[in-house]
Protein backbone atom coordinates (compact mmCIF):
# COMPACT_ATOMS: atom_id res chain seq x y z
CA MET A 1 4.24 21.63 -13.14
CA ASN A 2 6.27 24.50 -14.60
CA HIS A 3 9.01 22.13 -15.73
CA TRP A 4 6.49 20.12 -17.77
CA VAL A 5 5.28 23.34 -19.42
CA SER A 6 8.90 24.14 -20.21
CA ALA A 7 9.52 20.65 -21.62
CA VAL A 8 6.54 21.02 -23.98
CA ARG A 9 8.26 24.13 -25.47
CA ALA A 10 5.07 26.05 -26.20
CA ARG A 11 6.94 28.62 -28.26
CA THR A 12 7.32 26.01 -31.05
CA LEU A 13 3.57 25.30 -31.27
CA PRO A 14 2.88 28.23 -33.65
CA LEU A 15 4.76 26.16 -36.26
CA ALA A 16 2.18 23.37 -35.98
CA VAL A 17 -0.63 25.92 -36.18
CA ALA A 18 1.03 27.57 -39.20
CA SER A 19 1.20 24.44 -41.37
CA ILE A 20 -2.40 23.42 -40.66
CA GLY A 21 -3.52 27.04 -40.96
CA MET A 22 -1.97 27.21 -44.42
CA GLY A 23 -3.83 24.06 -45.48
CA GLY A 24 -7.06 25.43 -44.03
CA PHE A 25 -6.77 28.81 -45.74
CA LEU A 26 -6.10 27.16 -49.10
CA ALA A 27 -9.12 24.89 -48.61
CA ALA A 28 -11.27 27.90 -47.69
CA ALA A 29 -10.07 29.77 -50.77
CA ALA A 30 -11.27 26.78 -52.83
CA GLY A 31 -14.63 26.88 -51.03
CA GLN A 32 -14.07 23.53 -49.30
CA PHE A 33 -13.14 24.41 -45.74
CA ASN A 34 -14.22 21.82 -43.14
CA PHE A 35 -14.12 23.17 -39.59
CA GLN A 36 -14.23 19.81 -37.79
CA VAL A 37 -11.45 18.33 -39.91
CA PHE A 38 -9.42 21.52 -39.50
CA VAL A 39 -9.66 21.41 -35.69
CA MET A 40 -8.71 17.73 -35.59
CA CYS A 41 -5.76 18.37 -37.92
CA LEU A 42 -4.68 21.16 -35.60
CA LEU A 43 -4.93 19.04 -32.44
CA THR A 44 -3.13 16.10 -34.04
CA THR A 45 -0.26 18.22 -35.34
CA MET A 46 0.14 20.07 -32.04
CA ALA A 47 0.26 16.72 -30.22
CA LEU A 48 2.92 15.57 -32.70
CA GLN A 49 4.93 18.75 -32.04
CA ILE A 50 4.72 18.20 -28.27
CA LEU A 51 5.75 14.56 -28.72
CA SER A 52 8.76 15.67 -30.75
CA ASN A 53 9.76 18.20 -28.08
CA LEU A 54 9.47 15.70 -25.21
CA ALA A 55 11.39 13.04 -27.15
CA ASN A 56 14.05 15.60 -28.00
CA ASP A 57 14.41 16.58 -24.33
CA TYR A 58 14.90 12.94 -23.39
CA GLY A 59 17.12 11.96 -26.32
CA ASP A 60 19.51 14.90 -26.07
CA SER A 61 19.96 14.17 -22.37
CA VAL A 62 20.75 10.50 -23.00
CA HIS A 63 23.16 11.23 -25.85
CA GLY A 64 24.87 14.17 -24.13
CA ALA A 65 23.86 17.08 -26.38
CA ASP A 66 22.13 18.72 -23.40
CA ASN A 67 24.96 19.52 -21.03
CA SER A 68 26.38 22.35 -18.94
CA ALA A 69 28.19 23.80 -21.98
CA ARG A 70 24.97 24.28 -23.96
CA LYS A 71 24.06 27.90 -24.75
CA GLY A 72 20.27 27.62 -24.59
CA PRO A 73 17.90 27.23 -21.65
CA SER A 74 18.39 24.13 -19.51
CA ARG A 75 16.24 21.13 -20.38
CA ALA A 76 13.98 19.31 -17.95
CA VAL A 77 15.67 15.89 -18.05
CA GLN A 78 19.24 17.18 -18.26
CA SER A 79 18.67 19.49 -15.26
CA GLY A 80 17.06 16.70 -13.22
CA LEU A 81 13.64 18.35 -12.96
CA ILE A 82 12.07 15.36 -14.73
CA SER A 83 13.45 11.85 -14.36
CA HIS A 84 14.26 9.65 -17.36
CA LYS A 85 11.51 7.24 -16.29
CA LYS A 86 8.82 9.94 -16.08
CA MET A 87 9.84 11.46 -19.42
CA LYS A 88 9.74 8.05 -21.13
CA LEU A 89 6.23 7.57 -19.72
CA ALA A 90 5.19 11.04 -20.94
CA ILE A 91 6.56 10.26 -24.41
CA GLY A 92 4.58 7.00 -24.52
CA VAL A 93 1.34 8.63 -23.36
CA THR A 94 1.74 11.52 -25.82
CA ALA A 95 2.44 9.08 -28.66
CA VAL A 96 -0.77 7.18 -27.88
CA ILE A 97 -2.78 10.42 -27.66
CA THR A 98 -1.34 11.56 -30.99
CA LEU A 99 -2.24 8.24 -32.61
CA ILE A 100 -5.81 8.37 -31.23
CA LEU A 101 -6.26 11.93 -32.48
CA GLY A 102 -4.89 10.96 -35.87
CA ILE A 103 -7.20 7.95 -36.22
CA SER A 104 -10.17 10.06 -35.13
CA LEU A 105 -9.23 12.63 -37.77
CA LEU A 106 -9.08 9.99 -40.50
CA MET A 107 -12.40 8.46 -39.46
CA MET A 108 -14.21 11.80 -39.82
CA SER A 109 -12.59 12.50 -43.18
CA GLN A 110 -14.25 11.17 -46.32
CA LEU A 111 -11.45 8.88 -47.48
CA SER A 112 -11.41 5.73 -49.55
CA THR A 113 -10.00 2.58 -47.97
CA LEU A 114 -6.70 3.05 -49.81
CA GLU A 115 -6.45 6.72 -48.80
CA LEU A 116 -7.22 5.77 -45.19
CA TYR A 117 -4.35 3.29 -45.07
CA VAL A 118 -1.95 5.72 -46.78
CA PHE A 119 -2.70 8.49 -44.27
CA LEU A 120 -2.55 6.03 -41.37
CA ALA A 121 0.91 4.93 -42.54
CA LEU A 122 2.02 8.55 -42.84
CA GLY A 123 0.74 9.24 -39.32
CA VAL A 124 2.61 6.29 -37.83
CA LEU A 125 5.72 7.38 -39.75
CA ALA A 126 5.38 10.92 -38.35
CA ILE A 127 5.08 9.63 -34.77
CA THR A 128 8.08 7.34 -35.27
CA ALA A 129 10.10 10.19 -36.77
CA ALA A 130 9.23 12.48 -33.85
CA ILE A 131 10.54 9.91 -31.36
CA LEU A 132 13.64 8.78 -33.27
CA TYR A 133 14.90 12.31 -34.01
CA THR A 134 17.22 12.15 -30.99
CA ASN A 135 16.53 8.61 -29.78
CA GLY A 136 17.55 5.10 -30.75
CA PHE A 137 20.96 3.67 -31.64
CA ILE A 138 21.47 6.09 -34.54
CA PRO A 139 19.25 9.17 -34.01
CA TYR A 140 18.78 10.74 -37.43
CA GLY A 141 19.00 14.23 -35.91
CA TYR A 142 22.60 13.39 -34.98
CA ILE A 143 23.58 12.72 -38.59
CA GLY A 144 22.11 15.94 -40.01
CA LEU A 145 18.74 14.69 -41.26
CA GLY A 146 16.56 16.68 -38.86
CA ASP A 147 16.05 19.51 -41.36
CA ILE A 148 14.66 17.14 -43.99
CA SER A 149 12.26 15.57 -41.49
CA VAL A 150 10.99 18.93 -40.28
CA PHE A 151 10.56 20.14 -43.88
CA ILE A 152 8.49 17.07 -44.77
CA PHE A 153 6.29 16.66 -41.70
CA PHE A 154 5.78 20.28 -40.59
CA GLY A 155 5.82 21.70 -44.10
CA MET A 156 4.76 19.50 -46.99
CA LEU A 157 2.67 16.93 -45.12
CA GLY A 158 1.17 19.47 -42.73
CA VAL A 159 -0.01 21.79 -45.51
CA ILE A 160 -0.79 19.39 -48.35
CA GLY A 161 -2.10 16.62 -46.08
CA SER A 162 -4.50 18.84 -44.13
CA ASN A 163 -5.68 20.46 -47.36
CA TYR A 164 -6.35 17.05 -48.91
CA LEU A 165 -8.33 15.89 -45.90
CA MET A 166 -10.60 18.90 -46.33
CA THR A 167 -10.84 19.09 -50.12
CA GLY A 168 -10.25 15.50 -51.22
CA SER A 169 -8.03 16.78 -54.02
CA PHE A 170 -4.37 17.53 -54.76
CA SER A 171 -2.79 20.19 -56.94
CA TRP A 172 0.93 20.32 -57.74
CA ASP A 173 1.15 24.05 -57.03
CA LEU A 174 0.36 23.33 -53.35
CA ILE A 175 3.97 22.19 -53.08
CA LEU A 176 4.95 25.88 -53.10
CA PRO A 177 3.09 27.04 -49.94
CA GLY A 178 4.01 23.69 -48.37
CA ALA A 179 7.65 24.47 -49.09
CA SER A 180 7.29 27.98 -47.62
CA CYS A 181 6.01 26.60 -44.30
CA GLY A 182 8.60 23.83 -44.34
CA LEU A 183 11.55 26.13 -45.01
CA PHE A 184 10.48 28.64 -42.36
CA THR A 185 10.09 25.81 -39.84
CA VAL A 186 13.56 24.51 -40.73
CA ALA A 187 14.81 28.08 -40.12
CA VAL A 188 13.61 27.81 -36.51
CA LEU A 189 15.50 24.55 -36.12
CA ASN A 190 18.54 26.12 -37.75
CA ILE A 191 18.63 28.94 -35.19
CA ASN A 192 18.49 26.34 -32.44
CA ASN A 193 21.33 24.38 -34.04
CA ILE A 194 23.49 27.45 -34.65
CA ARG A 195 23.09 28.40 -30.98
CA ASP A 196 24.12 24.89 -29.88
CA ILE A 197 26.84 24.32 -32.47
CA ASP A 198 29.69 23.98 -29.95
CA SER A 199 27.95 21.64 -27.50
CA ASP A 200 26.47 19.59 -30.37
CA LYS A 201 29.93 19.11 -31.88
CA VAL A 202 31.28 17.84 -28.56
CA ALA A 203 28.32 15.45 -28.18
CA GLY A 204 28.72 14.09 -31.71
CA LYS A 205 25.47 15.65 -32.93
CA TYR A 206 26.30 16.54 -36.53
CA SER A 207 23.50 18.98 -37.32
CA ILE A 208 23.65 21.02 -40.53
CA PRO A 209 25.42 23.97 -38.78
CA VAL A 210 27.98 21.59 -37.29
CA ARG A 211 28.62 20.12 -40.74
CA LEU A 212 28.67 23.47 -42.54
CA GLY A 213 30.45 25.51 -39.88
CA TYR A 214 29.21 28.72 -38.30
CA GLU A 215 29.77 31.09 -41.24
CA LYS A 216 28.16 28.88 -43.89
CA SER A 217 25.23 28.06 -41.62
CA ILE A 218 24.36 31.77 -41.65
CA TYR A 219 24.17 31.69 -45.45
CA TYR A 220 22.09 28.52 -45.17
CA HIS A 221 19.70 30.49 -42.96
CA TYR A 222 19.45 33.22 -45.59
CA PHE A 223 18.68 30.52 -48.17
CA LEU A 224 15.83 29.12 -46.06
CA LEU A 225 14.20 32.53 -45.58
CA ILE A 226 14.65 33.77 -49.16
CA ILE A 227 13.52 30.59 -50.90
CA GLY A 228 10.60 30.24 -48.45
CA LEU A 229 9.41 33.72 -49.41
CA LEU A 230 9.99 33.16 -53.13
CA CYS A 231 7.92 29.96 -53.07
CA ALA A 232 4.96 31.99 -51.81
CA VAL A 233 5.56 34.62 -54.50
CA ALA A 234 5.64 31.88 -57.13
CA TYR A 235 2.35 30.37 -55.90
CA VAL A 236 0.58 33.73 -56.00
CA THR A 237 2.03 34.49 -59.45
CA ILE A 238 0.66 31.19 -60.77
CA ASN A 239 -2.76 31.77 -59.16
CA TYR A 240 -2.88 35.57 -59.46
CA ARG A 241 -6.25 37.31 -59.14
CA THR A 242 -5.67 40.45 -57.06
CA PRO A 243 -2.72 42.42 -55.61
CA LEU A 244 -4.04 41.60 -52.12
CA GLN A 245 -2.64 38.10 -52.60
CA PHE A 246 0.80 39.60 -51.96
CA LEU A 247 -0.28 40.71 -48.48
CA PHE A 248 2.16 38.18 -46.97
CA LEU A 249 5.05 40.38 -48.08
CA LEU A 250 4.26 42.56 -45.04
CA ALA A 251 6.03 39.87 -42.98
CA THR A 252 9.29 40.46 -44.90
CA PRO A 253 10.72 43.03 -42.43
CA LEU A 254 10.39 40.46 -39.63
CA LEU A 255 12.28 37.91 -41.73
CA ILE A 256 15.00 40.50 -42.27
CA VAL A 257 15.19 41.14 -38.51
CA ASN A 258 15.60 37.41 -37.96
CA ALA A 259 18.31 37.10 -40.61
CA GLN A 260 20.24 40.05 -39.16
CA ALA A 261 20.02 38.59 -35.67
CA VAL A 262 21.46 35.27 -36.85
CA LYS A 263 24.32 37.16 -38.51
CA ASN A 264 25.08 39.76 -35.85
CA LYS A 265 24.02 38.41 -32.46
CA LEU A 266 26.21 36.29 -30.27
CA ARG A 267 25.10 32.66 -30.33
CA VAL A 268 24.14 32.85 -26.65
CA GLU A 269 21.75 35.70 -27.57
CA LEU A 270 19.88 33.81 -30.30
CA ASP A 271 17.32 32.04 -28.12
CA PRO A 272 14.59 34.75 -28.32
CA TYR A 273 14.76 34.59 -32.11
CA LEU A 274 13.44 31.03 -32.14
CA LYS A 275 10.15 32.38 -30.78
CA GLN A 276 10.36 35.40 -33.08
CA MET A 277 10.75 33.16 -36.14
CA SER A 278 7.92 30.87 -34.99
CA LEU A 279 5.54 33.82 -34.59
CA THR A 280 6.73 35.37 -37.86
CA THR A 281 5.88 32.12 -39.64
CA LEU A 282 2.40 32.17 -38.11
CA LEU A 283 1.90 35.82 -39.15
CA PHE A 284 3.15 35.01 -42.65
CA VAL A 285 0.56 32.22 -42.97
CA PHE A 286 -2.23 34.46 -41.66
CA LEU A 287 -1.40 37.23 -44.14
CA PHE A 288 -0.99 34.72 -46.96
CA GLY A 289 -4.35 33.16 -46.12
CA ILE A 290 -6.18 36.49 -45.92
CA GLY A 291 -4.73 37.37 -49.32
CA GLN A 292 -6.03 34.11 -50.78
CA LEU A 293 -9.49 34.65 -49.33
């Protein structure tokens, strides 16, 4: 059972909570928070995150990115703890559960027929993207497009989509907090890819750090953290009411700790900072949300 818990990669789940939490806080600040829709958004996004993690475990094993030379913790399929057949079954079951949760979410939301079909299409696209990240003939994670996918689905869509399902409205300035969550989530992926840069290169997985090289990928990490923070500053500046809206800046020291670790730690020592960045993102969202309320 422990190997299944490991395969789920629970330390990444705060990222799913963060994006939906941001959407929920913004809806609450507008006086339109819907608890039932919020919970269903949360469950659906967490299921999508788990699906992505299981598919990644399977795909990286098949394509050779998970191997004995990899710096991070051993994966369930690569180490033989879970067979290919059982993992494929788990991916299928999780995909179905995610789809059922998503449809249930849409049915309880007050959407027009057109909106229903749009969100259903986005949900199917998200499930497909989660599976094909490291699977299929040309996994898009192997050609450096993983960052874009994470930014869209666990940033923009997670924040703006969940907010829309609760409020029934869209505002262009919501792109800014959506971008903050997306960029911070990409930062978690970037730490993972910096850690695995050598084994990924051998396996033909051309992630952003493999394409940029180690030194430039550190500056890319700085970019993700700085722009993510500035997007939140911009949103509050546009919607300024009270200094308490800048409460999220209290998370800045933790972002600095993460940036320094990426610069100064050996790549084999970076693994704990994936969890640290995930939890920092969640704290950032909580502080941001309290400031908005």
